[in-house]
Amino acid sequence: MKNKPGKIIRSAVVKVDRKLHTRRGRNVMLYLMCLIVAFIFWSIITLDETMERDFDLPVELVNVPDSVVVVGNLPQSINVVLKGKGTQFVKYSVVKPPVFTVDFREFGRNGFVALSRTKIDSELRDIFGQNISIIVVNPDSMRVAYSSGNGFRVPLRVNSSVSASTRSIISGPVVAALDSVTVYTASGKRPDLDYVETETVSRDELTDTMVCDIAVKQLPGMKIMPETVSVTIPAELLVSKKRTVPVKAVNVPAGARLITYPASVEVSYLVPMRLSSSDMPVKASVDYKALNAGSRNAKVEVEAMPGGYKVVSVSQDSVEYVIER
């Protein structure tokens, strides 16, 4: 069983060899050799011809000192149309286009990294060869400011649009891990800003606290660092609780007494989970001034509860009453 694959291969080789030694086999081999020779000659002739090629070259800024902050961005890529011999472009048919590197040490001067069309052409010839013709360059120049100062601290404000699910609440303000950011300007002068904002944090149907990274809004002519901040959206589940509470009469004039039947009601409410063990007082009342003389029923009101608490229902929304004088 171990020698079976070897026997199959040797048998296939023998069969191929026999066929190649036939007249038809020799004709096929001769035809293939002619095709290979023709392809080689075609390639040589084609590569020696002048042609135009279009390239999108990634742009990369290199050798930037740690003390320098670039204000703004160079283009992500530069599009060029070049004319030259096919031999000058052949390797880029199988490998990625080269990176167009911008050396800060060479082009960073007086607060700007700047390349004119002449400088760009020179860099392209260094990449592709001195004999190429440059037909199109887009963009045809580059200019971006930089700052070598320490920057200025400016308060950070979080923009948010968040909501919790039906059985949850947003249990506090949306806050960033940083209360301020550093703003760099090309002029080196303090920016006329009271605060800097984040992009809008938008989350819906939250059931638990969420932490996410949000971009800081960049402003023209400035560089704001860091570019993203960690933002916490506090949310928590609500748990259901019930409590039987007495019905209290309010605004009763002196010399009168208002008695309700029943004297207490059951209130169902939702409370944040972290406060579920707290003894939060729940108060129910009827208002003497709101009594309707034509009715023997008084409406039960549940007093406002602390933030996060939600009254779901009262066992009776009205109670009977009598007034004693």
Foldseek 3Di string as FASTA:
>chain_A
DVCVVVVVVVVVVVVLVVCCPDPVNVVVVVVVVVVVVVVVVVVVVQQQDKDKDKAKAAEEEDDDDPLKDWFDDWDRTKIWIKIDGSVLCVVCVPDPDYHQYQYCVVQPDDFKRKDALVRSVVSVCVRRNVPMDTDDMVPSMIMTGMDSDPFDKAFEDEAEDEAAAPQKGQPDDKDWPDGIWGKDASVRDHDPDNYWYWPYHYYYHDAAKDKDKTATDRDPRMDIPPRIIIIIGGMHGWDKDKDKDFEAEPPDDPPKDKQWVPRIKMWMKIAGPVCPPPPFDKYKYFYPVPDDPVDQKTAIDIDDGDPRMGTDDIRDRITGMDMDD
